[in-house]
Amino acid sequence: MEFKVVWNKRVEKQVQRLPYRIQLLFFTLVNDIMRTGAIQKKWKNFSSLGGNKYHCHLTYDWVACWEWEKGTVTIEVYYAGSRENAPY
């Protein structure tokens, strides 16, 4: 089953401000989410935030957060940026 990953314009701007190598990691994570779903246990720094929210540290300083309703194929990224400003 393939999943659809979406994000809004605010997240698009956040991604554009990431350093290039972090953008590559972000899009690698997005590809993995598209192929296998929101639960990404193969990523070393993945964890659940409770409920239907998840996050993964791309590096020590950078993080991506997303949410997924079980039973759906759409996963929404709601944050991509610095660890200090992460909404959790």
PDB file of N, CA and C in Angstrom:
ATOM      1  N   MET A   1       0.841  -1.172   0.000  1.00  0.00           N
ATOM      2  CA  MET A   1       0.000   0.000   0.000  1.00  0.00           C
ATOM      3  C   MET A   1       0.890   1.242   0.000  1.00  0.00           C
ATOM      4  N   GLU A   2       0.557   2.190  -0.824  1.00  0.00           N
ATOM      5  CA  GLU A   2       1.310   3.442  -0.877  1.00  0.00           C
ATOM      6  C   GLU A   2       0.517   4.543  -0.190  1.00  0.00           C
ATOM      7  N   PHE A   3       1.222   5.393   0.541  1.00  0.00           N
ATOM      8  CA  PHE A   3       0.603   6.474   1.286  1.00  0.00           C
ATOM      9  C   PHE A   3       0.847   7.805   0.582  1.00  0.00           C
ATOM     10  N   LYS A   4      -0.045   8.756   0.836  1.00  0.00           N
ATOM     11  CA  LYS A   4       0.079  10.099   0.277  1.00  0.00           C
ATOM     12  C   LYS A   4       0.551  11.024   1.392  1.00  0.00           C
ATOM     13  N   VAL A   5       1.663  11.726   1.171  1.00  0.00           N
ATOM     14  CA  VAL A   5       2.208  12.659   2.155  1.00  0.00           C
ATOM     15  C   VAL A   5       1.947  14.072   1.664  1.00  0.00           C
ATOM     16  N   VAL A   6       1.328  14.879   2.519  1.00  0.00           N
ATOM     17  CA  VAL A   6       0.987  16.264   2.164  1.00  0.00           C
ATOM     18  C   VAL A   6       1.528  17.205   3.229  1.00  0.00           C
ATOM     19  N   TRP A   7       1.691  18.475   2.839  1.00  0.00           N
ATOM     20  CA  TRP A   7       2.029  19.539   3.784  1.00  0.00           C
ATOM     21  C   TRP A   7       1.557  20.849   3.211  1.00  0.00           C
ATOM     22  N   ASN A   8       1.406  21.846   4.094  1.00  0.00           N
ATOM     23  CA  ASN A   8       0.899  23.146   3.662  1.00  0.00           C
ATOM     24  C   ASN A   8       2.049  24.082   3.276  1.00  0.00           C
ATOM     25  N   LYS A   9       1.695  25.311   2.881  1.00  0.00           N
ATOM     26  CA  LYS A   9       2.701  26.280   2.427  1.00  0.00           C
ATOM     27  C   LYS A   9       3.685  26.655   3.536  1.00  0.00           C
ATOM     28  N   ARG A  10       3.229  26.690   4.774  1.00  0.00           N
ATOM     29  CA  ARG A  10       4.125  27.012   5.882  1.00  0.00           C
ATOM     30  C   ARG A  10       5.240  25.973   5.998  1.00  0.00           C
ATOM     31  N   VAL A  11       4.886  24.708   5.887  1.00  0.00           N
ATOM     32  CA  VAL A  11       5.889  23.637   5.941  1.00  0.00           C
ATOM     33  C   VAL A  11       6.795  23.708   4.712  1.00  0.00           C
ATOM     34  N   GLU A  12       6.244  24.039   3.563  1.00  0.00           N
ATOM     35  CA  GLU A  12       7.051  24.193   2.352  1.00  0.00           C
ATOM     36  C   GLU A  12       8.148  25.235   2.569  1.00  0.00           C
ATOM     37  N   LYS A  13       7.782  26.356   3.199  1.00  0.00           N
ATOM     38  CA  LYS A  13       8.773  27.399   3.497  1.00  0.00           C
ATOM     39  C   LYS A  13       9.799  26.917   4.517  1.00  0.00           C
ATOM     40  N   GLN A  14       9.334  26.152   5.511  1.00  0.00           N
ATOM     41  CA  GLN A  14      10.254  25.606   6.511  1.00  0.00           C
ATOM     42  C   GLN A  14      11.289  24.703   5.848  1.00  0.00           C
ATOM     43  N   VAL A  15      10.832  23.856   4.938  1.00  0.00           N
ATOM     44  CA  VAL A  15      11.734  22.926   4.249  1.00  0.00           C
ATOM     45  C   VAL A  15      12.736  23.702   3.401  1.00  0.00           C
ATOM     46  N   GLN A  16      12.296  24.739   2.713  1.00  0.00           N
ATOM     47  CA  GLN A  16      13.189  25.529   1.880  1.00  0.00           C
ATOM     48  C   GLN A  16      14.286  26.208   2.692  1.00  0.00           C
ATOM     49  N   ARG A  17      14.014  26.496   3.975  1.00  0.00           N
ATOM     50  CA  ARG A  17      15.012  27.146   4.834  1.00  0.00           C
ATOM     51  C   ARG A  17      15.996  26.154   5.460  1.00  0.00           C
ATOM     52  N   LEU A  18      15.712  24.861   5.356  1.00  0.00           N
ATOM     53  CA  LEU A  18      16.624  23.863   5.916  1.00  0.00           C
ATOM     54  C   LEU A  18      17.924  23.836   5.113  1.00  0.00           C
ATOM     55  N   PRO A  19      19.049  23.515   5.755  1.00  0.00           N
ATOM     56  CA  PRO A  19      20.286  23.303   4.992  1.00  0.00           C
ATOM     57  C   PRO A  19      20.065  22.176   3.971  1.00  0.00           C
ATOM     58  N   TYR A  20      20.783  22.250   2.867  1.00  0.00           N
ATOM     59  CA  TYR A  20      20.568  21.315   1.762  1.00  0.00           C
ATOM     60  C   TYR A  20      20.656  19.849   2.201  1.00  0.00           C
ATOM     61  N   ARG A  21      21.665  19.493   2.987  1.00  0.00           N
ATOM     62  CA  ARG A  21      21.805  18.081   3.379  1.00  0.00           C
ATOM     63  C   ARG A  21      20.659  17.635   4.281  1.00  0.00           C
ATOM     64  N   ILE A  22      20.067  18.559   5.035  1.00  0.00           N
ATOM     65  CA  ILE A  22      18.915  18.235   5.877  1.00  0.00           C
ATOM     66  C   ILE A  22      17.673  18.078   5.001  1.00  0.00           C
ATOM     67  N   GLN A  23      17.574  18.892   3.948  1.00  0.00           N
ATOM     68  CA  GLN A  23      16.482  18.717   2.996  1.00  0.00           C
ATOM     69  C   GLN A  23      16.525  17.318   2.384  1.00  0.00           C
ATOM     70  N   LEU A  24      17.727  16.854   2.033  1.00  0.00           N
ATOM     71  CA  LEU A  24      17.856  15.507   1.468  1.00  0.00           C
ATOM     72  C   LEU A  24      17.377  14.453   2.463  1.00  0.00           C
ATOM     73  N   LEU A  25      17.742  14.599   3.721  1.00  0.00           N
ATOM     74  CA  LEU A  25      17.269  13.663   4.747  1.00  0.00           C
ATOM     75  C   LEU A  25      15.750  13.736   4.893  1.00  0.00           C
ATOM     76  N   PHE A  26      15.208  14.948   4.873  1.00  0.00           N
ATOM     77  CA  PHE A  26      13.759  15.127   4.982  1.00  0.00           C
ATOM     78  C   PHE A  26      13.047  14.394   3.851  1.00  0.00           C
ATOM     79  N   PHE A  27      13.516  14.581   2.616  1.00  0.00           N
ATOM     80  CA  PHE A  27      12.845  13.934   1.487  1.00  0.00           C
ATOM     81  C   PHE A  27      13.064  12.421   1.473  1.00  0.00           C
ATOM     82  N   THR A  28      14.165  11.952   2.026  1.00  0.00           N
ATOM     83  CA  THR A  28      14.368  10.516   2.189  1.00  0.00           C
ATOM     84  C   THR A  28      13.340   9.967   3.178  1.00  0.00           C
ATOM     85  N   LEU A  29      13.134  10.685   4.286  1.00  0.00           N
ATOM     86  CA  LEU A  29      12.118  10.289   5.258  1.00  0.00           C
ATOM     87  C   LEU A  29      10.737  10.296   4.621  1.00  0.00           C
ATOM     88  N   VAL A  30      10.408  11.332   3.866  1.00  0.00           N
ATOM     89  CA  VAL A  30       9.101  11.418   3.203  1.00  0.00           C
ATOM     90  C   VAL A  30       8.911  10.228   2.253  1.00  0.00           C
ATOM     91  N   ASN A  31       9.948   9.874   1.502  1.00  0.00           N
ATOM     92  CA  ASN A  31       9.847   8.709   0.612  1.00  0.00           C
ATOM     93  C   ASN A  31       9.586   7.433   1.394  1.00  0.00           C
ATOM     94  N   ASP A  32      10.265   7.263   2.520  1.00  0.00           N
ATOM     95  CA  ASP A  32      10.025   6.087   3.357  1.00  0.00           C
ATOM     96  C   ASP A  32       8.598   6.071   3.895  1.00  0.00           C
ATOM     97  N   ILE A  33       8.097   7.232   4.302  1.00  0.00           N
ATOM     98  CA  ILE A  33       6.718   7.330   4.791  1.00  0.00           C
ATOM     99  C   ILE A  33       5.741   6.975   3.675  1.00  0.00           C
ATOM    100  N   MET A  34       6.006   7.459   2.467  1.00  0.00           N
ATOM    101  CA  MET A  34       5.127   7.153   1.333  1.00  0.00           C
ATOM    102  C   MET A  34       5.087   5.654   1.058  1.00  0.00           C
ATOM    103  N   ARG A  35       6.227   5.003   1.177  1.00  0.00           N
ATOM    104  CA  ARG A  35       6.297   3.575   0.853  1.00  0.00           C
ATOM    105  C   ARG A  35       5.752   2.674   1.958  1.00  0.00           C
ATOM    106  N   THR A  36       6.033   3.038   3.236  1.00  0.00           N
ATOM    107  CA  THR A  36       5.705   2.098   4.313  1.00  0.00           C
ATOM    108  C   THR A  36       4.773   2.646   5.388  1.00  0.00           C
ATOM    109  N   GLY A  37       4.431   3.920   5.343  1.00  0.00           N
ATOM    110  CA  GLY A  37       3.487   4.472   6.307  1.00  0.00           C
ATOM    111  C   GLY A  37       4.131   5.339   7.375  1.00  0.00           C
ATOM    112  N   ALA A  38       3.301   5.801   8.300  1.00  0.00           N
ATOM    113  CA  ALA A  38       3.720   6.781   9.306  1.00  0.00           C
ATOM    114  C   ALA A  38       4.673   6.216  10.351  1.00  0.00           C
ATOM    115  N   ILE A  39       4.595   4.942  10.627  1.00  0.00           N
ATOM    116  CA  ILE A  39       5.443   4.326  11.652  1.00  0.00           C
ATOM    117  C   ILE A  39       6.789   3.999  11.018  1.00  0.00           C
ATOM    118  N   GLN A  40       7.830   4.709  11.419  1.00  0.00           N
ATOM    119  CA  GLN A  40       9.156   4.590  10.803  1.00  0.00           C
ATOM    120  C   GLN A  40      10.203   4.109  11.805  1.00  0.00           C
ATOM    121  N   LYS A  41      10.034   2.890  12.287  1.00  0.00           N
ATOM    122  CA  LYS A  41      10.938   2.357  13.312  1.00  0.00           C
ATOM    123  C   LYS A  41      12.358   2.149  12.821  1.00  0.00           C
ATOM    124  N   LYS A  42      12.564   2.079  11.502  1.00  0.00           N
ATOM    125  CA  LYS A  42      13.930   1.904  11.010  1.00  0.00           C
ATOM    126  C   LYS A  42      14.751   3.195  11.133  1.00  0.00           C
ATOM    127  N   TRP A  43      14.086   4.320  11.306  1.00  0.00           N
ATOM    128  CA  TRP A  43      14.792   5.581  11.545  1.00  0.00           C
ATOM    129  C   TRP A  43      15.171   5.620  13.016  1.00  0.00           C
ATOM    130  N   LYS A  44      16.426   5.806  13.278  1.00  0.00           N
ATOM    131  CA  LYS A  44      16.979   5.712  14.626  1.00  0.00           C
ATOM    132  C   LYS A  44      16.266   6.618  15.628  1.00  0.00           C
ATOM    133  N   ASN A  45      15.929   7.815  15.238  1.00  0.00           N
ATOM    134  CA  ASN A  45      15.369   8.793  16.167  1.00  0.00           C
ATOM    135  C   ASN A  45      13.881   9.040  15.966  1.00  0.00           C
ATOM    136  N   PHE A  46      13.151   8.018  15.542  1.00  0.00           N
ATOM    137  CA  PHE A  46      11.705   8.094  15.369  1.00  0.00           C
ATOM    138  C   PHE A  46      11.016   7.806  16.693  1.00  0.00           C
ATOM    139  N   SER A  47       9.936   8.527  16.973  1.00  0.00           N
ATOM    140  CA  SER A  47       9.098   8.170  18.115  1.00  0.00           C
ATOM    141  C   SER A  47       7.695   8.759  17.952  1.00  0.00           C
ATOM    142  N   SER A  48       6.779   8.175  18.690  1.00  0.00           N
ATOM    143  CA  SER A  48       5.409   8.655  18.718  1.00  0.00           C
ATOM    144  C   SER A  48       5.326   9.823  19.690  1.00  0.00           C
ATOM    145  N   LEU A  49       4.481  10.794  19.365  1.00  0.00           N
ATOM    146  CA  LEU A  49       4.236  11.918  20.268  1.00  0.00           C
ATOM    147  C   LEU A  49       2.927  11.723  21.016  1.00  0.00           C
ATOM    148  N   GLY A  50       2.329  10.576  20.838  1.00  0.00           N
ATOM    149  CA  GLY A  50       1.046  10.293  21.465  1.00  0.00           C
ATOM    150  C   GLY A  50      -0.091  10.519  20.489  1.00  0.00           C
ATOM    151  N   GLY A  51      -1.130   9.771  20.660  1.00  0.00           N
ATOM    152  CA  GLY A  51      -2.265   9.883  19.754  1.00  0.00           C
ATOM    153  C   GLY A  51      -1.863   9.495  18.349  1.00  0.00           C
ATOM    154  N   ASN A  52      -2.096  10.378  17.413  1.00  0.00           N
ATOM    155  CA  ASN A  52      -1.789  10.101  16.011  1.00  0.00           C
ATOM    156  C   ASN A  52      -0.637  10.959  15.490  1.00  0.00           C
ATOM    157  N   LYS A  53       0.222  11.448  16.382  1.00  0.00           N
ATOM    158  CA  LYS A  53       1.336  12.316  15.977  1.00  0.00           C
ATOM    159  C   LYS A  53       2.664  11.600  16.181  1.00  0.00           C
ATOM    160  N   TYR A  54       3.601  11.879  15.251  1.00  0.00           N
ATOM    161  CA  TYR A  54       4.909  11.235  15.260  1.00  0.00           C
ATOM    162  C   TYR A  54       5.978  12.260  14.922  1.00  0.00           C
ATOM    163  N   HIS A  55       7.227  11.938  15.270  1.00  0.00           N
ATOM    164  CA  HIS A  55       8.325  12.806  14.867  1.00  0.00           C
ATOM    165  C   HIS A  55       9.601  11.995  14.707  1.00  0.00           C
ATOM    166  N   CYS A  56      10.546  12.603  14.014  1.00  0.00           N
ATOM    167  CA  CYS A  56      11.836  11.968  13.796  1.00  0.00           C
ATOM    168  C   CYS A  56      12.897  13.061  13.746  1.00  0.00           C
ATOM    169  N   HIS A  57      13.962  12.860  14.511  1.00  0.00           N
ATOM    170  CA  HIS A  57      15.094  13.781  14.442  1.00  0.00           C
ATOM    171  C   HIS A  57      15.912  13.412  13.208  1.00  0.00           C
ATOM    172  N   LEU A  58      16.006  14.334  12.273  1.00  0.00           N
ATOM    173  CA  LEU A  58      16.795  14.104  11.065  1.00  0.00           C
ATOM    174  C   LEU A  58      18.275  14.122  11.409  1.00  0.00           C
ATOM    175  N   THR A  59      18.662  15.020  12.290  1.00  0.00           N
ATOM    176  CA  THR A  59      19.986  15.083  12.917  1.00  0.00           C
ATOM    177  C   THR A  59      19.728  15.571  14.341  1.00  0.00           C
ATOM    178  N   TYR A  60      20.768  15.830  15.074  1.00  0.00           N
ATOM    179  CA  TYR A  60      20.593  16.316  16.445  1.00  0.00           C
ATOM    180  C   TYR A  60      19.782  17.610  16.477  1.00  0.00           C
ATOM    181  N   ASP A  61      19.998  18.495  15.505  1.00  0.00           N
ATOM    182  CA  ASP A  61      19.373  19.822  15.523  1.00  0.00           C
ATOM    183  C   ASP A  61      18.088  19.960  14.723  1.00  0.00           C
ATOM    184  N   TRP A  62      17.763  18.998  13.862  1.00  0.00           N
ATOM    185  CA  TRP A  62      16.646  19.158  12.933  1.00  0.00           C
ATOM    186  C   TRP A  62      15.643  18.026  13.090  1.00  0.00           C
ATOM    187  N   VAL A  63      14.348  18.381  12.985  1.00  0.00           N
ATOM    188  CA  VAL A  63      13.278  17.420  13.237  1.00  0.00           C
ATOM    189  C   VAL A  63      12.137  17.607  12.240  1.00  0.00           C
ATOM    190  N   ALA A  64      11.413  16.523  11.985  1.00  0.00           N
ATOM    191  CA  ALA A  64      10.186  16.569  11.192  1.00  0.00           C
ATOM    192  C   ALA A  64       9.070  15.948  12.021  1.00  0.00           C
ATOM    193  N   CYS A  65       7.870  16.520  11.938  1.00  0.00           N
ATOM    194  CA  CYS A  65       6.707  16.023  12.681  1.00  0.00           C
ATOM    195  C   CYS A  65       5.553  15.811  11.710  1.00  0.00           C
ATOM    196  N   TRP A  66       4.781  14.757  11.931  1.00  0.00           N
ATOM    197  CA  TRP A  66       3.648  14.470  11.061  1.00  0.00           C
ATOM    198  C   TRP A  66       2.544  13.798  11.858  1.00  0.00           C
ATOM    199  N   GLU A  67       1.338  13.777  11.266  1.00  0.00           N
ATOM    200  CA  GLU A  67       0.230  13.079  11.900  1.00  0.00           C
ATOM    201  C   GLU A  67      -0.492  12.208  10.890  1.00  0.00           C
ATOM    202  N   TRP A  68      -1.099  11.152  11.417  1.00  0.00           N
ATOM    203  CA  TRP A  68      -1.755  10.158  10.579  1.00  0.00           C
ATOM    204  C   TRP A  68      -2.918   9.544  11.337  1.00  0.00           C
ATOM    205  N   GLU A  69      -4.074   9.565  10.723  1.00  0.00           N
ATOM    206  CA  GLU A  69      -5.249   8.894  11.258  1.00  0.00           C
ATOM    207  C   GLU A  69      -5.239   7.457  10.762  1.00  0.00           C
ATOM    208  N   LYS A  70      -5.245   6.511  11.676  1.00  0.00           N
ATOM    209  CA  LYS A  70      -5.236   5.096  11.282  1.00  0.00           C
ATOM    210  C   LYS A  70      -6.415   4.799  10.377  1.00  0.00           C
ATOM    211  N   GLY A  71      -6.170   3.985   9.370  1.00  0.00           N
ATOM    212  CA  GLY A  71      -7.207   3.630   8.417  1.00  0.00           C
ATOM    213  C   GLY A  71      -7.260   4.541   7.204  1.00  0.00           C
ATOM    214  N   THR A  72      -6.428   5.594   7.181  1.00  0.00           N
ATOM    215  CA  THR A  72      -6.389   6.493   6.028  1.00  0.00           C
ATOM    216  C   THR A  72      -5.052   6.342   5.312  1.00  0.00           C
ATOM    217  N   VAL A  73      -4.978   6.869   4.097  1.00  0.00           N
ATOM    218  CA  VAL A  73      -3.734   6.801   3.332  1.00  0.00           C
ATOM    219  C   VAL A  73      -3.028   8.152   3.272  1.00  0.00           C
ATOM    220  N   THR A  74      -3.603   9.176   3.886  1.00  0.00           N
ATOM    221  CA  THR A  74      -3.003  10.510   3.863  1.00  0.00           C
ATOM    222  C   THR A  74      -2.273  10.782   5.175  1.00  0.00           C
ATOM    223  N   ILE A  75      -1.024  11.217   5.051  1.00  0.00           N
ATOM    224  CA  ILE A  75      -0.191  11.578   6.195  1.00  0.00           C
ATOM    225  C   ILE A  75       0.201  13.033   6.010  1.00  0.00           C
ATOM    226  N   GLU A  76      -0.017  13.857   7.045  1.00  0.00           N
ATOM    227  CA  GLU A  76       0.273  15.284   6.931  1.00  0.00           C
ATOM    228  C   GLU A  76       1.497  15.663   7.754  1.00  0.00           C
ATOM    229  N   VAL A  77       2.493  16.226   7.076  1.00  0.00           N
ATOM    230  CA  VAL A  77       3.650  16.792   7.761  1.00  0.00           C
ATOM    231  C   VAL A  77       3.231  18.172   8.248  1.00  0.00           C
ATOM    232  N   TYR A  78       3.385  18.433   9.549  1.00  0.00           N
ATOM    233  CA  TYR A  78       2.978  19.737  10.070  1.00  0.00           C
ATOM    234  C   TYR A  78       4.151  20.564  10.595  1.00  0.00           C
ATOM    235  N   TYR A  79       5.367  19.999  10.580  1.00  0.00           N
ATOM    236  CA  TYR A  79       6.538  20.782  10.987  1.00  0.00           C
ATOM    237  C   TYR A  79       7.799  20.162  10.425  1.00  0.00           C
ATOM    238  N   ALA A  80       8.698  21.021   9.973  1.00  0.00           N
ATOM    239  CA  ALA A  80      10.046  20.608   9.563  1.00  0.00           C
ATOM    240  C   ALA A  80      10.971  21.765   9.902  1.00  0.00           C
ATOM    241  N   GLY A  81      11.844  21.545  10.861  1.00  0.00           N
ATOM    242  CA  GLY A  81      12.718  22.642  11.261  1.00  0.00           C
ATOM    243  C   GLY A  81      13.597  22.294  12.442  1.00  0.00           C
ATOM    244  N   SER A  82      14.002  23.333  13.153  1.00  0.00           N
ATOM    245  CA  SER A  82      14.926  23.152  14.261  1.00  0.00           C
ATOM    246  C   SER A  82      14.264  22.452  15.441  1.00  0.00           C
ATOM    247  N   ARG A  83      15.054  21.729  16.157  1.00  0.00           N
ATOM    248  CA  ARG A  83      14.590  21.005  17.340  1.00  0.00           C
ATOM    249  C   ARG A  83      14.075  21.976  18.402  1.00  0.00           C
ATOM    250  N   GLU A  84      14.726  23.122  18.517  1.00  0.00           N
ATOM    251  CA  GLU A  84      14.343  24.090  19.538  1.00  0.00           C
ATOM    252  C   GLU A  84      12.934  24.636  19.344  1.00  0.00           C
ATOM    253  N   ASN A  85      12.487  24.749  18.091  1.00  0.00           N
ATOM    254  CA  ASN A  85      11.175  25.313  17.800  1.00  0.00           C
ATOM    255  C   ASN A  85      10.107  24.266  17.529  1.00  0.00           C
ATOM    256  N   ALA A  86      10.425  23.004  17.706  1.00  0.00           N
ATOM    257  CA  ALA A  86       9.479  21.925  17.400  1.00  0.00           C
ATOM    258  C   ALA A  86       8.242  22.022  18.297  1.00  0.00           C
ATOM    259  N   PRO A  87       7.064  21.765  17.735  1.00  0.00           N
ATOM    260  CA  PRO A  87       5.804  21.913  18.480  1.00  0.00           C
ATOM    261  C   PRO A  87       5.441  20.677  19.301  1.00  0.00           C
ATOM    262  N   TYR A  88       6.320  20.232  20.163  1.00  0.00           N
ATOM    263  CA  TYR A  88       5.989  19.107  21.052  1.00  0.00           C
ATOM    264  C   TYR A  88       6.539  19.331  22.430  1.00  0.00           C
TER     265      TYR A  88
END
